C-alpha atoms as a PDB file:
ATOM      1  CA  MET A   1      10.008 -83.364 118.449  1.00  0.00           C
ATOM      2  CA  THR A   2      13.326 -82.077 119.751  1.00  0.00           C
ATOM      3  CA  ALA A   3      13.080 -80.556 123.218  1.00  0.00           C
ATOM      4  CA  ARG A   4      14.417 -77.005 123.529  1.00  0.00           C
ATOM      5  CA  LEU A   5      16.350 -75.827 126.564  1.00  0.00           C
ATOM      6  CA  ASP A   6      15.814 -72.241 127.637  1.00  0.00           C
ATOM      7  CA  ARG A   7      18.741 -70.082 128.757  1.00  0.00           C
ATOM      8  CA  ARG A   8      18.047 -70.675 132.452  1.00  0.00           C
ATOM      9  CA  GLN A   9      18.150 -74.455 132.041  1.00  0.00           C
ATOM     10  CA  LEU A  10      21.315 -74.236 129.952  1.00  0.00           C
ATOM     11  CA  MET A  11      23.160 -72.053 132.490  1.00  0.00           C
ATOM     12  CA  SER A  12      21.988 -74.258 135.356  1.00  0.00           C
ATOM     13  CA  GLY A  13      23.363 -77.306 133.606  1.00  0.00           C
ATOM     14  CA  LEU A  14      26.653 -75.572 132.862  1.00  0.00           C
ATOM     15  CA  SER A  15      27.032 -74.481 136.494  1.00  0.00           C
ATOM     16  CA  ALA A  16      26.369 -78.019 137.687  1.00  0.00           C
ATOM     17  CA  PHE A  17      29.000 -79.346 135.285  1.00  0.00           C
ATOM     18  CA  LEU A  18      31.615 -76.841 136.459  1.00  0.00           C
ATOM     19  CA  VAL A  19      30.997 -77.539 140.133  1.00  0.00           C
ATOM     20  CA  THR A  20      31.128 -81.319 139.703  1.00  0.00           C
ATOM     21  CA  SER A  21      33.934 -81.425 137.131  1.00  0.00           C
ATOM     22  CA  PRO A  22      37.072 -82.998 138.715  1.00  0.00           C
ATOM     23  CA  ALA A  23      39.328 -80.521 136.887  1.00  0.00           C
ATOM     24  CA  PHE A  24      37.321 -77.554 138.161  1.00  0.00           C
ATOM     25  CA  ALA A  25      37.329 -78.937 141.721  1.00  0.00           C
ATOM     26  CA  ALA A  26      41.091 -79.532 141.562  1.00  0.00           C
ATOM     27  CA  ASP A  27      41.734 -75.983 140.321  1.00  0.00           C
ATOM     28  CA  GLU A  28      39.595 -74.511 143.087  1.00  0.00           C
ATOM     29  CA  ALA A  29      41.309 -76.637 145.726  1.00  0.00           C
ATOM     30  CA  ALA A  30      44.729 -75.506 144.471  1.00  0.00           C
ATOM     31  CA  THR A  31      43.663 -71.857 144.565  1.00  0.00           C
ATOM     32  CA  LEU A  32      42.275 -72.097 148.097  1.00  0.00           C
ATOM     33  CA  GLY A  33      45.404 -73.958 149.179  1.00  0.00           C
ATOM     34  CA  ALA A  34      47.580 -71.179 147.764  1.00  0.00           C
ATOM     35  CA  ILE A  35      45.572 -68.594 149.691  1.00  0.00           C
ATOM     36  CA  ARG A  36      46.140 -70.515 152.940  1.00  0.00           C
ATOM     37  CA  GLU A  37      49.889 -70.613 152.244  1.00  0.00           C
ATOM     38  CA  LEU A  38      49.951 -66.821 152.262  1.00  0.00           C
ATOM     39  CA  ARG A  39      49.651 -66.927 156.070  1.00  0.00           C
ATOM     40  CA  GLN A  40      53.301 -67.997 156.180  1.00  0.00           C
ATOM     41  CA  GLY A  41      54.493 -64.969 154.188  1.00  0.00           C
ATOM     42  CA  GLY A  42      57.133 -65.001 151.490  1.00  0.00           C
ATOM     43  CA  PHE A  43      54.930 -64.267 148.452  1.00  0.00           C
ATOM     44  CA  VAL A  44      54.323 -61.367 146.087  1.00  0.00           C
ATOM     45  CA  ILE A  45      50.633 -60.795 145.341  1.00  0.00           C
ATOM     46  CA  TYR A  46      50.069 -58.902 142.098  1.00  0.00           C
ATOM     47  CA  PHE A  47      46.605 -57.334 141.827  1.00  0.00           C
ATOM     48  CA  ARG A  48      45.076 -55.987 138.687  1.00  0.00           C
ATOM     49  CA  HIS A  49      43.137 -52.945 139.936  1.00  0.00           C
ATOM     50  CA  GLY A  50      39.502 -53.419 140.943  1.00  0.00           C
ATOM     51  CA  GLU A  51      36.373 -52.907 138.876  1.00  0.00           C
ATOM     52  CA  THR A  52      36.100 -49.694 136.892  1.00  0.00           C
ATOM     53  CA  GLY A  53      33.207 -50.720 134.660  1.00  0.00           C
ATOM     54  CA  SER A  54      33.005 -49.754 130.998  1.00  0.00           C
ATOM     55  CA  ALA A  55      34.157 -46.190 131.584  1.00  0.00           C
ATOM     56  CA  GLY A  56      36.269 -46.064 128.438  1.00  0.00           C
ATOM     57  CA  ALA A  57      39.948 -45.344 128.036  1.00  0.00           C
ATOM     58  CA  ASP A  58      41.999 -42.760 129.896  1.00  0.00           C
ATOM     59  CA  ARG A  59      42.009 -39.352 128.219  1.00  0.00           C
ATOM     60  CA  ALA A  60      45.600 -38.089 128.074  1.00  0.00           C
ATOM     61  CA  PRO A  61      45.885 -39.078 131.751  1.00  0.00           C
ATOM     62  CA  ASP A  62      47.262 -36.557 134.192  1.00  0.00           C
ATOM     63  CA  MET A  63      48.502 -38.351 137.338  1.00  0.00           C
ATOM     64  CA  ARG A  64      47.406 -35.338 139.400  1.00  0.00           C
ATOM     65  CA  ASP A  65      43.857 -35.344 138.028  1.00  0.00           C
ATOM     66  CA  CYS A  66      41.709 -38.446 138.461  1.00  0.00           C
ATOM     67  CA  SER A  67      39.011 -36.972 136.186  1.00  0.00           C
ATOM     68  CA  THR A  68      41.305 -37.696 133.207  1.00  0.00           C
ATOM     69  CA  GLN A  69      41.462 -41.402 134.078  1.00  0.00           C
ATOM     70  CA  ARG A  70      39.312 -44.442 134.692  1.00  0.00           C
ATOM     71  CA  ASN A  71      38.526 -44.772 138.400  1.00  0.00           C
ATOM     72  CA  LEU A  72      37.143 -47.504 140.608  1.00  0.00           C
ATOM     73  CA  ASN A  73      33.355 -47.456 140.387  1.00  0.00           C
ATOM     74  CA  ASP A  74      31.040 -48.115 143.343  1.00  0.00           C
ATOM     75  CA  ALA A  75      31.042 -51.864 142.681  1.00  0.00           C
ATOM     76  CA  GLY A  76      34.835 -51.814 142.520  1.00  0.00           C
ATOM     77  CA  ARG A  77      35.148 -50.068 145.872  1.00  0.00           C
ATOM     78  CA  VAL A  78      32.829 -52.629 147.483  1.00  0.00           C
ATOM     79  CA  GLN A  79      34.757 -55.456 145.788  1.00  0.00           C
ATOM     80  CA  VAL A  80      38.120 -54.204 147.012  1.00  0.00           C
ATOM     81  CA  ARG A  81      36.971 -53.425 150.567  1.00  0.00           C
ATOM     82  CA  ARG A  82      35.595 -56.956 150.802  1.00  0.00           C
ATOM     83  CA  MET A  83      38.952 -58.385 149.756  1.00  0.00           C
ATOM     84  CA  GLY A  84      40.615 -56.298 152.452  1.00  0.00           C
ATOM     85  CA  GLU A  85      38.195 -57.712 155.017  1.00  0.00           C
ATOM     86  CA  ASP A  86      39.008 -61.219 153.781  1.00  0.00           C
ATOM     87  CA  PHE A  87      42.750 -60.577 154.164  1.00  0.00           C
ATOM     88  CA  ARG A  88      42.200 -59.572 157.770  1.00  0.00           C
ATOM     89  CA  ARG A  89      39.843 -62.497 158.451  1.00  0.00           C
ATOM     90  CA  LEU A  90      42.361 -64.923 156.968  1.00  0.00           C
ATOM     91  CA  ALA A  91      45.234 -63.305 158.901  1.00  0.00           C
ATOM     92  CA  ILE A  92      47.312 -62.819 155.755  1.00  0.00           C
ATOM     93  CA  PRO A  93      50.358 -60.763 156.795  1.00  0.00           C
ATOM     94  CA  VAL A  94      51.118 -57.833 154.500  1.00  0.00           C
ATOM     95  CA  GLY A  95      54.352 -55.872 154.471  1.00  0.00           C
ATOM     96  CA  LYS A  96      54.949 -53.489 151.586  1.00  0.00           C
ATOM     97  CA  VAL A  97      52.026 -52.338 149.457  1.00  0.00           C
ATOM     98  CA  LEU A  98      53.182 -50.739 146.207  1.00  0.00           C
ATOM     99  CA  SER A  99      50.853 -49.124 143.685  1.00  0.00           C
ATOM    100  CA  SER A 100      50.871 -47.726 140.173  1.00  0.00           C
ATOM    101  CA  GLU A 101      50.466 -43.957 140.128  1.00  0.00           C
ATOM    102  CA  TYR A 102      47.169 -44.309 138.212  1.00  0.00           C
ATOM    103  CA  CYS A 103      44.184 -43.351 140.376  1.00  0.00           C
ATOM    104  CA  ARG A 104      42.335 -46.655 140.035  1.00  0.00           C
ATOM    105  CA  CYS A 105      45.345 -48.509 141.426  1.00  0.00           C
ATOM    106  CA  TRP A 106      46.020 -46.384 144.490  1.00  0.00           C
ATOM    107  CA  GLN A 107      42.251 -46.232 145.070  1.00  0.00           C
ATOM    108  CA  HIS A 108      42.375 -50.048 145.176  1.00  0.00           C
ATOM    109  CA  ALA A 109      45.317 -50.051 147.611  1.00  0.00           C
ATOM    110  CA  GLU A 110      43.655 -47.456 149.847  1.00  0.00           C
ATOM    111  CA  ALA A 111      40.244 -49.155 149.898  1.00  0.00           C
ATOM    112  CA  MET A 112      41.821 -52.530 150.638  1.00  0.00           C
ATOM    113  CA  PHE A 113      44.451 -51.574 153.214  1.00  0.00           C
ATOM    114  CA  GLY A 114      43.667 -48.014 154.344  1.00  0.00           C
ATOM    115  CA  LYS A 115      45.096 -44.528 153.877  1.00  0.00           C
ATOM    116  CA  GLY A 116      48.845 -44.279 154.251  1.00  0.00           C
ATOM    117  CA  SER A 117      49.259 -48.021 153.733  1.00  0.00           C
ATOM    118  CA  TYR A 118      50.831 -47.892 150.288  1.00  0.00           C
ATOM    119  CA  GLU A 119      53.666 -46.349 148.303  1.00  0.00           C
ATOM    120  CA  ILE A 120      53.210 -45.149 144.736  1.00  0.00           C
ATOM    121  CA  VAL A 121      55.941 -46.354 142.381  1.00  0.00           C
ATOM    122  CA  GLU A 122      56.217 -45.353 138.733  1.00  0.00           C
ATOM    123  CA  ALA A 123      57.576 -48.818 137.909  1.00  0.00           C
ATOM    124  CA  LEU A 124      54.041 -50.241 138.268  1.00  0.00           C
ATOM    125  CA  SER A 125      52.378 -47.625 136.048  1.00  0.00           C
ATOM    126  CA  LEU A 126      51.464 -48.148 132.412  1.00  0.00           C
ATOM    127  CA  PRO A 127      54.251 -47.391 129.923  1.00  0.00           C
ATOM    128  CA  ARG A 128      54.308 -43.742 128.905  1.00  0.00           C
ATOM    129  CA  SER A 129      53.785 -44.812 125.287  1.00  0.00           C
ATOM    130  CA  TYR A 130      50.731 -46.978 126.118  1.00  0.00           C
ATOM    131  CA  PRO A 131      48.748 -48.278 124.240  1.00  0.00           C
ATOM    132  CA  ALA A 132      51.277 -48.211 121.361  1.00  0.00           C
ATOM    133  CA  VAL A 133      54.099 -49.452 123.597  1.00  0.00           C
ATOM    134  CA  THR A 134      57.591 -48.845 122.258  1.00  0.00           C
ATOM    135  CA  ALA A 135      60.298 -51.490 122.537  1.00  0.00           C
ATOM    136  CA  GLU A 136      62.247 -49.270 124.920  1.00  0.00           C
ATOM    137  CA  ASP A 137      59.252 -48.720 127.209  1.00  0.00           C
ATOM    138  CA  ARG A 138      58.464 -52.446 127.190  1.00  0.00           C
ATOM    139  CA  LYS A 139      62.034 -53.265 128.200  1.00  0.00           C
ATOM    140  CA  LEU A 140      62.037 -50.698 131.022  1.00  0.00           C
ATOM    141  CA  LYS A 141      58.689 -51.867 132.404  1.00  0.00           C
ATOM    142  CA  THR A 142      59.431 -55.575 132.223  1.00  0.00           C
ATOM    143  CA  GLU A 143      62.819 -55.179 133.910  1.00  0.00           C
ATOM    144  CA  ALA A 144      61.282 -53.078 136.689  1.00  0.00           C
ATOM    145  CA  LEU A 145      58.442 -55.530 137.288  1.00  0.00           C
ATOM    146  CA  ARG A 146      60.805 -58.519 137.173  1.00  0.00           C
ATOM    147  CA  ALA A 147      62.815 -56.953 139.998  1.00  0.00           C
ATOM    148  CA  LEU A 148      59.691 -56.360 142.090  1.00  0.00           C
ATOM    149  CA  LEU A 149      58.394 -59.920 141.614  1.00  0.00           C
ATOM    150  CA  ALA A 150      61.806 -61.371 142.469  1.00  0.00           C
ATOM    151  CA  ALA A 151      62.328 -59.286 145.632  1.00  0.00           C
ATOM    152  CA  LEU A 152      61.922 -61.297 148.822  1.00  0.00           C
ATOM    153  CA  PRO A 153      59.340 -59.776 151.197  1.00  0.00           C
ATOM    154  CA  THR A 154      60.261 -58.903 154.757  1.00  0.00           C
ATOM    155  CA  SER A 155      60.309 -62.147 156.747  1.00  0.00           C
ATOM    156  CA  GLY A 156      56.828 -63.358 157.691  1.00  0.00           C
ATOM    157  CA  THR A 157      55.018 -60.970 155.344  1.00  0.00           C
ATOM    158  CA  ASN A 158      53.787 -60.781 151.767  1.00  0.00           C
ATOM    159  CA  THR A 159      54.356 -57.918 149.352  1.00  0.00           C
ATOM    160  CA  VAL A 160      51.301 -56.562 147.513  1.00  0.00           C
ATOM    161  CA  LEU A 161      51.578 -54.885 144.115  1.00  0.00           C
ATOM    162  CA  VAL A 162      48.577 -53.084 142.585  1.00  0.00           C
ATOM    163  CA  SER A 163      48.994 -52.441 138.895  1.00  0.00           C
ATOM    164  CA  HIS A 164      47.535 -53.149 135.454  1.00  0.00           C
ATOM    165  CA  GLY A 165      46.835 -56.284 133.462  1.00  0.00           C
ATOM    166  CA  ASN A 166      49.116 -55.239 130.615  1.00  0.00           C
ATOM    167  CA  ASN A 167      52.221 -54.856 132.787  1.00  0.00           C
ATOM    168  CA  VAL A 168      52.260 -58.443 133.987  1.00  0.00           C
ATOM    169  CA  LEU A 169      51.214 -59.639 130.524  1.00  0.00           C
ATOM    170  CA  MET A 170      54.268 -58.017 128.913  1.00  0.00           C
ATOM    171  CA  LEU A 171      56.609 -59.764 131.351  1.00  0.00           C
ATOM    172  CA  THR A 172      55.034 -63.190 131.880  1.00  0.00           C
ATOM    173  CA  GLY A 173      52.463 -63.726 129.128  1.00  0.00           C
ATOM    174  CA  ILE A 174      49.837 -64.040 131.899  1.00  0.00           C
ATOM    175  CA  HIS A 175      46.903 -61.636 131.720  1.00  0.00           C
ATOM    176  CA  PRO A 176      44.488 -61.332 134.666  1.00  0.00           C
ATOM    177  CA  ASN A 177      41.293 -60.998 132.627  1.00  0.00           C
ATOM    178  CA  THR A 178      39.088 -60.040 135.572  1.00  0.00           C
ATOM    179  CA  GLN A 179      39.424 -56.648 137.213  1.00  0.00           C
ATOM    180  CA  GLY A 180      40.414 -57.222 140.833  1.00  0.00           C
ATOM    181  CA  GLU A 181      42.084 -60.553 140.000  1.00  0.00           C
ATOM    182  CA  ALA A 182      45.372 -61.396 141.715  1.00  0.00           C
ATOM    183  CA  VAL A 183      48.324 -63.514 140.631  1.00  0.00           C
ATOM    184  CA  ILE A 184      50.449 -65.011 143.407  1.00  0.00           C
ATOM    185  CA  PHE A 185      54.205 -65.313 142.811  1.00  0.00           C
ATOM    186  CA  ARG A 186      56.891 -66.901 144.983  1.00  0.00           C
ATOM    187  CA  PRO A 187      60.341 -65.248 144.760  1.00  0.00           C
ATOM    188  CA  ASP A 188      63.152 -67.810 144.880  1.00  0.00           C
ATOM    189  CA  GLY A 189      65.751 -65.588 146.544  1.00  0.00           C
ATOM    190  CA  LYS A 190      68.042 -65.924 143.532  1.00  0.00           C
ATOM    191  CA  GLY A 191      66.567 -63.233 141.318  1.00  0.00           C
ATOM    192  CA  GLY A 192      63.738 -65.371 139.956  1.00  0.00           C
ATOM    193  CA  PHE A 193      60.130 -66.159 140.806  1.00  0.00           C
ATOM    194  CA  ALA A 194      57.427 -68.732 140.101  1.00  0.00           C
ATOM    195  CA  ARG A 195      53.726 -68.250 139.434  1.00  0.00           C
ATOM    196  CA  ILE A 196      51.740 -70.122 142.099  1.00  0.00           C
ATOM    197  CA  ALA A 197      48.076 -69.346 141.427  1.00  0.00           C
ATOM    198  CA  ALA A 198      45.546 -66.878 140.067  1.00  0.00           C
ATOM    199  CA  VAL A 199      42.877 -65.710 142.515  1.00  0.00           C
ATOM    200  CA  LEU A 200      39.571 -64.197 141.407  1.00  0.00           C
ATOM    201  CA  PRO A 201      37.999 -61.515 143.623  1.00  0.00           C
ATOM    202  CA  ASP A 202      35.365 -63.879 145.063  1.00  0.00           C
ATOM    203  CA  ASP A 203      37.884 -66.653 145.813  1.00  0.00           C
ATOM    204  CA  TRP A 204      39.145 -64.877 148.939  1.00  0.00           C
ATOM    205  CA  SER A 205      35.700 -65.149 150.559  1.00  0.00           C
ATOM    206  CA  ARG A 206      35.638 -68.928 149.980  1.00  0.00           C
ATOM    207  CA  ALA A 207      38.973 -69.514 151.708  1.00  0.00           C
ATOM    208  CA  ARG A 208      39.100 -70.649 155.333  1.00  0.00           C
END
């Protein structure tokens, strides 16, 4: 008779495989190493906004009215505050904090770094024609984001951008699938940048 594994046994086995897999361990070590490098400054940290849950799409969003948009939910606020605590624990120096004008993004910036800590910039917002993005809007958004990712931070600090998954996807082909995920970029000082690592929300708490 063939033995049957229940879901709990299957998930336990999968977790054990992931933890012991050399590739998984190497990826985690690289991510934690990248987080430690942030203490030196010189990076741009691009956050997809924190958890909003399955609240549905924005309804003809009005930037002055958060009720017309998806917002951070309670879990998202806890998630983002915890990341802010981790930044302070890890002594990661932050200079500029720039946010999309969408409520969920500046809510993320405020919960993570405090009131008055961020500047809202339209360049980080979704294209006006979203979700059916026009070629002109795509060009404008990608050029604006390219400039932000290539800009060198003030010496000894990191720049934080809080935006949307689709913006960085249009420019780089990289999509942060998890809400609250960050992508670390290193500007080269010559108008370019390199992707260093992707950091999931819980990764910050594992770093030392």
